[in-house]
Amino acid sequence: MKVLIIGRGGREHALAWKVSQSPRVNHVYVAPGNDGMKSIATCVPISETDVEALVQWAKKKRSI
């Protein structure tokens, strides 16, 4: 399973860290994320307020 977490703060970092430990999760993405998250997730350069771009990105990733 691929997971997209939206945000850039400490709560999102903690969530990404914990989710990344699940054997059910193949990949964690964080939008937009921050430098501290790069070791546990792929940061996606889309603002957390750009809902349309996030939806389009998620739909594209779902088909890959």
Protein backbone atom coordinates (compact mmCIF):
# COMPACT_ATOMS: atom_id res chain seq x y z
CA MET A 1 0.00 0.00 0.00
CA LYS A 2 1.14 3.54 -0.78
CA VAL A 3 0.35 6.25 1.78
CA LEU A 4 0.21 10.02 1.26
CA ILE A 5 0.44 12.18 4.37
CA ILE A 6 -0.34 15.86 3.91
CA GLY A 7 1.59 18.38 5.99
CA ARG A 8 5.06 19.46 7.03
CA GLY A 9 5.11 19.55 10.82
CA GLY A 10 6.10 17.37 13.71
CA ARG A 11 2.78 15.53 13.89
CA GLU A 12 3.02 14.57 10.25
CA HIS A 13 6.63 13.49 10.76
CA ALA A 14 5.61 11.24 13.67
CA LEU A 15 2.74 9.81 11.62
CA ALA A 16 5.00 9.14 8.62
CA TRP A 17 7.58 7.48 10.86
CA LYS A 18 5.02 5.16 12.44
CA VAL A 19 3.21 4.36 9.19
CA SER A 20 6.54 3.55 7.51
CA GLN A 21 7.06 0.75 10.05
CA SER A 22 3.95 -1.14 8.93
CA PRO A 23 4.60 -4.27 6.87
CA ARG A 24 1.48 -3.38 4.85
CA VAL A 25 2.97 -0.09 3.63
CA ASN A 26 5.26 -0.21 0.59
CA HIS A 27 5.92 3.51 0.32
CA VAL A 28 5.19 6.70 2.26
CA TYR A 29 4.84 10.09 0.56
CA VAL A 30 4.56 13.40 2.41
CA ALA A 31 3.33 16.60 0.78
CA PRO A 32 5.08 18.91 1.09
CA GLY A 33 7.10 17.37 3.91
CA ASN A 34 10.38 18.75 5.22
CA ASP A 35 14.07 17.85 5.21
CA GLY A 36 13.73 15.77 8.37
CA MET A 37 11.21 13.48 6.69
CA LYS A 38 13.38 12.60 3.70
CA SER A 39 14.93 9.60 5.46
CA ILE A 40 11.54 7.91 6.00
CA ALA A 41 9.37 9.20 3.15
CA THR A 42 9.42 10.74 -0.29
CA CYS A 43 8.63 14.44 -0.10
CA VAL A 44 6.24 15.68 -2.77
CA PRO A 45 6.69 19.37 -3.70
CA ILE A 46 2.99 20.25 -3.59
CA SER A 47 1.56 22.67 -1.04
CA GLU A 48 -0.81 21.18 1.49
CA THR A 49 -3.34 23.86 0.51
CA ASP A 50 -3.32 22.96 -3.21
CA VAL A 51 -6.07 20.36 -3.00
CA GLU A 52 -6.59 19.98 -6.75
CA ALA A 53 -2.89 19.31 -7.39
CA LEU A 54 -2.78 16.79 -4.53
CA VAL A 55 -5.80 14.93 -5.91
CA GLN A 56 -4.31 14.84 -9.41
CA TRP A 57 -0.95 13.63 -8.05
CA ALA A 58 -2.61 10.89 -5.96
CA LYS A 59 -4.68 9.69 -8.92
CA LYS A 60 -1.56 9.52 -11.06
CA LYS A 61 0.36 7.57 -8.40
CA ARG A 62 -2.52 5.16 -7.92
CA SER A 63 -2.20 4.01 -11.53
CA ILE A 64 1.58 3.53 -11.36
